[in-house]
Amino acid sequence: MGATLDAKGLNCPMPLIRTRLALKDVVIGETLTVQATDPTSYIDIRLFCETTDQELLSAEEEAGVYTYVIRKAADF
């Protein structure tokens, strides 16, 4: 089981900033699960993963809560 980050209630750009900081402490190959309520986090976190070579395993929305599972694939 990997690390978790509760970014619910935070507005852009804070979910992305907190995700980036939390991933710094994750070991390559491990996962970070992020929950956020800001709809722009869907775009921000996807782009962050693409540009930093992280693996976005899943991105789901349920009842206004976006849940992302990111596998750290590289240091950044």
N, C-alpha and C. Protein backbone atom coordinates (compact mmCIF):
# COMPACT_ATOMS: atom_id res chain seq x y z
N MET A 1 0.85 -1.18 0.00
CA MET A 1 0.00 0.00 0.00
C MET A 1 0.89 1.24 0.00
N GLY A 2 0.51 2.22 -0.80
CA GLY A 2 1.33 3.41 -0.94
C GLY A 2 0.87 4.55 -0.06
N ALA A 3 1.43 5.69 -0.33
CA ALA A 3 1.11 6.91 0.42
C ALA A 3 -0.22 7.49 -0.05
N THR A 4 -0.83 8.32 0.79
CA THR A 4 -2.08 8.98 0.43
C THR A 4 -1.96 10.48 0.70
N LEU A 5 -2.73 11.25 -0.08
CA LEU A 5 -2.76 12.69 0.08
C LEU A 5 -4.21 13.14 -0.01
N ASP A 6 -4.69 13.84 1.01
CA ASP A 6 -6.03 14.41 1.01
C ASP A 6 -5.93 15.88 0.62
N ALA A 7 -6.30 16.18 -0.62
CA ALA A 7 -6.27 17.56 -1.11
C ALA A 7 -7.69 18.08 -1.33
N LYS A 8 -8.66 17.44 -0.69
CA LYS A 8 -10.05 17.87 -0.84
C LYS A 8 -10.22 19.25 -0.22
N GLY A 9 -11.01 20.09 -0.90
CA GLY A 9 -11.27 21.43 -0.41
C GLY A 9 -10.24 22.46 -0.81
N LEU A 10 -9.16 22.03 -1.43
CA LEU A 10 -8.12 22.96 -1.87
C LEU A 10 -8.38 23.39 -3.31
N ASN A 11 -8.15 24.66 -3.59
CA ASN A 11 -8.34 25.18 -4.94
C ASN A 11 -7.02 25.20 -5.69
N CYS A 12 -7.13 25.22 -7.01
CA CYS A 12 -5.98 25.30 -7.91
C CYS A 12 -5.10 26.49 -7.51
N PRO A 13 -3.82 26.30 -7.43
CA PRO A 13 -3.00 25.17 -7.84
C PRO A 13 -2.59 24.25 -6.68
N MET A 14 -3.21 24.41 -5.52
CA MET A 14 -2.75 23.68 -4.32
C MET A 14 -2.79 22.15 -4.44
N PRO A 15 -3.82 21.53 -5.05
CA PRO A 15 -3.76 20.07 -5.18
C PRO A 15 -2.51 19.60 -5.93
N LEU A 16 -2.15 20.32 -6.99
CA LEU A 16 -0.96 19.96 -7.75
C LEU A 16 0.31 20.20 -6.94
N ILE A 17 0.39 21.32 -6.27
CA ILE A 17 1.58 21.62 -5.45
C ILE A 17 1.76 20.58 -4.36
N ARG A 18 0.68 20.23 -3.68
CA ARG A 18 0.77 19.22 -2.62
C ARG A 18 1.12 17.84 -3.19
N THR A 19 0.58 17.53 -4.37
CA THR A 19 0.90 16.26 -5.02
C THR A 19 2.38 16.19 -5.33
N ARG A 20 2.90 17.25 -5.90
CA ARG A 20 4.33 17.29 -6.24
C ARG A 20 5.20 17.12 -4.99
N LEU A 21 4.87 17.83 -3.93
CA LEU A 21 5.64 17.71 -2.68
C LEU A 21 5.54 16.31 -2.09
N ALA A 22 4.34 15.73 -2.10
CA ALA A 22 4.16 14.39 -1.54
C ALA A 22 4.93 13.35 -2.34
N LEU A 23 4.96 13.49 -3.66
CA LEU A 23 5.68 12.53 -4.49
C LEU A 23 7.18 12.56 -4.25
N LYS A 24 7.70 13.68 -3.79
CA LYS A 24 9.14 13.77 -3.49
C LYS A 24 9.54 12.74 -2.43
N ASP A 25 8.60 12.43 -1.51
CA ASP A 25 8.88 11.49 -0.42
C ASP A 25 8.56 10.04 -0.78
N VAL A 26 8.00 9.82 -1.96
CA VAL A 26 7.63 8.46 -2.39
C VAL A 26 8.83 7.83 -3.10
N VAL A 27 9.07 6.57 -2.81
CA VAL A 27 10.16 5.82 -3.43
C VAL A 27 9.74 5.43 -4.85
N ILE A 28 10.68 5.48 -5.79
CA ILE A 28 10.39 5.06 -7.16
C ILE A 28 9.81 3.65 -7.15
N GLY A 29 8.69 3.48 -7.86
CA GLY A 29 8.00 2.19 -7.92
C GLY A 29 6.80 2.13 -6.99
N GLU A 30 6.74 3.01 -5.99
CA GLU A 30 5.61 3.04 -5.05
C GLU A 30 4.54 3.99 -5.57
N THR A 31 3.36 3.96 -4.93
CA THR A 31 2.25 4.77 -5.40
C THR A 31 1.86 5.85 -4.40
N LEU A 32 1.21 6.86 -4.96
CA LEU A 32 0.59 7.93 -4.18
C LEU A 32 -0.85 8.02 -4.64
N THR A 33 -1.78 7.94 -3.70
CA THR A 33 -3.20 8.12 -4.00
C THR A 33 -3.59 9.51 -3.55
N VAL A 34 -4.15 10.29 -4.47
CA VAL A 34 -4.53 11.67 -4.20
C VAL A 34 -6.04 11.80 -4.34
N GLN A 35 -6.67 12.47 -3.38
CA GLN A 35 -8.08 12.80 -3.49
C GLN A 35 -8.20 14.32 -3.49
N ALA A 36 -8.96 14.85 -4.46
CA ALA A 36 -9.14 16.29 -4.60
C ALA A 36 -10.57 16.58 -5.04
N THR A 37 -11.03 17.78 -4.75
CA THR A 37 -12.37 18.19 -5.17
C THR A 37 -12.32 19.29 -6.23
N ASP A 38 -11.16 19.82 -6.51
CA ASP A 38 -11.02 20.87 -7.52
C ASP A 38 -11.05 20.22 -8.91
N PRO A 39 -12.05 20.58 -9.75
CA PRO A 39 -12.16 19.96 -11.08
C PRO A 39 -10.93 20.18 -11.97
N THR A 40 -10.21 21.28 -11.79
CA THR A 40 -9.03 21.51 -12.62
C THR A 40 -7.88 20.57 -12.27
N SER A 41 -7.98 19.90 -11.14
CA SER A 41 -6.93 18.93 -10.77
C SER A 41 -6.86 17.81 -11.81
N TYR A 42 -7.97 17.54 -12.48
CA TYR A 42 -8.00 16.48 -13.50
C TYR A 42 -7.00 16.79 -14.61
N ILE A 43 -6.97 18.02 -15.04
CA ILE A 43 -6.03 18.44 -16.09
C ILE A 43 -4.62 18.57 -15.52
N ASP A 44 -4.52 19.26 -14.38
CA ASP A 44 -3.20 19.55 -13.79
C ASP A 44 -2.41 18.28 -13.47
N ILE A 45 -3.06 17.32 -12.83
CA ILE A 45 -2.33 16.12 -12.40
C ILE A 45 -1.96 15.25 -13.60
N ARG A 46 -2.84 15.17 -14.59
CA ARG A 46 -2.49 14.42 -15.82
C ARG A 46 -1.27 15.03 -16.50
N LEU A 47 -1.27 16.35 -16.67
CA LEU A 47 -0.14 17.01 -17.32
C LEU A 47 1.14 16.88 -16.50
N PHE A 48 1.02 17.00 -15.19
CA PHE A 48 2.17 16.84 -14.31
C PHE A 48 2.79 15.45 -14.50
N CYS A 49 1.96 14.42 -14.52
CA CYS A 49 2.47 13.06 -14.70
C CYS A 49 3.16 12.90 -16.05
N GLU A 50 2.57 13.46 -17.09
CA GLU A 50 3.18 13.37 -18.42
C GLU A 50 4.53 14.09 -18.48
N THR A 51 4.59 15.27 -17.92
CA THR A 51 5.82 16.07 -18.05
C THR A 51 6.94 15.64 -17.12
N THR A 52 6.61 14.89 -16.07
CA THR A 52 7.65 14.43 -15.14
C THR A 52 7.87 12.93 -15.22
N ASP A 53 7.27 12.29 -16.22
CA ASP A 53 7.43 10.85 -16.46
C ASP A 53 6.93 9.97 -15.32
N GLN A 54 5.84 10.41 -14.66
CA GLN A 54 5.20 9.57 -13.64
C GLN A 54 4.11 8.75 -14.32
N GLU A 55 3.70 7.67 -13.70
CA GLU A 55 2.69 6.80 -14.29
C GLU A 55 1.35 7.02 -13.59
N LEU A 56 0.38 7.58 -14.30
CA LEU A 56 -0.96 7.78 -13.76
C LEU A 56 -1.72 6.47 -13.96
N LEU A 57 -1.89 5.72 -12.89
CA LEU A 57 -2.53 4.41 -12.97
C LEU A 57 -4.04 4.52 -13.11
N SER A 58 -4.64 5.50 -12.44
CA SER A 58 -6.08 5.70 -12.56
C SER A 58 -6.44 7.12 -12.19
N ALA A 59 -7.54 7.58 -12.78
CA ALA A 59 -8.10 8.90 -12.50
C ALA A 59 -9.61 8.75 -12.57
N GLU A 60 -10.26 8.85 -11.42
CA GLU A 60 -11.70 8.63 -11.36
C GLU A 60 -12.37 9.77 -10.60
N GLU A 61 -13.65 9.98 -10.91
CA GLU A 61 -14.45 10.98 -10.20
C GLU A 61 -15.71 10.32 -9.70
N GLU A 62 -16.01 10.55 -8.44
CA GLU A 62 -17.25 10.04 -7.85
C GLU A 62 -17.75 11.06 -6.84
N ALA A 63 -18.97 11.52 -7.06
CA ALA A 63 -19.63 12.48 -6.16
C ALA A 63 -18.77 13.72 -5.92
N GLY A 64 -18.11 14.20 -6.98
CA GLY A 64 -17.32 15.42 -6.86
C GLY A 64 -15.93 15.24 -6.28
N VAL A 65 -15.54 14.01 -5.99
CA VAL A 65 -14.20 13.73 -5.47
C VAL A 65 -13.40 13.01 -6.56
N TYR A 66 -12.29 13.61 -6.92
CA TYR A 66 -11.39 13.03 -7.92
C TYR A 66 -10.32 12.24 -7.20
N THR A 67 -10.14 10.99 -7.62
CA THR A 67 -9.13 10.13 -7.01
C THR A 67 -8.13 9.72 -8.07
N TYR A 68 -6.87 9.97 -7.78
CA TYR A 68 -5.77 9.66 -8.69
C TYR A 68 -4.82 8.69 -8.00
N VAL A 69 -4.36 7.70 -8.74
CA VAL A 69 -3.32 6.81 -8.25
C VAL A 69 -2.12 6.99 -9.18
N ILE A 70 -1.03 7.43 -8.60
CA ILE A 70 0.18 7.75 -9.36
C ILE A 70 1.30 6.83 -8.89
N ARG A 71 1.95 6.17 -9.85
CA ARG A 71 3.16 5.40 -9.51
C ARG A 71 4.36 6.27 -9.84
N LYS A 72 5.21 6.46 -8.85
CA LYS A 72 6.42 7.26 -9.09
C LYS A 72 7.37 6.44 -9.96
N ALA A 73 7.67 6.97 -11.13
CA ALA A 73 8.51 6.25 -12.07
C ALA A 73 9.89 6.89 -12.23
N ALA A 74 10.01 8.15 -11.77
CA ALA A 74 11.28 8.86 -11.94
C ALA A 74 11.38 9.97 -10.91
N ASP A 75 12.61 10.32 -10.56
CA ASP A 75 12.82 11.50 -9.72
C ASP A 75 12.64 12.74 -10.59
N PHE A 76 12.29 13.83 -9.97
CA PHE A 76 12.11 15.09 -10.72
C PHE A 76 12.59 16.24 -9.88
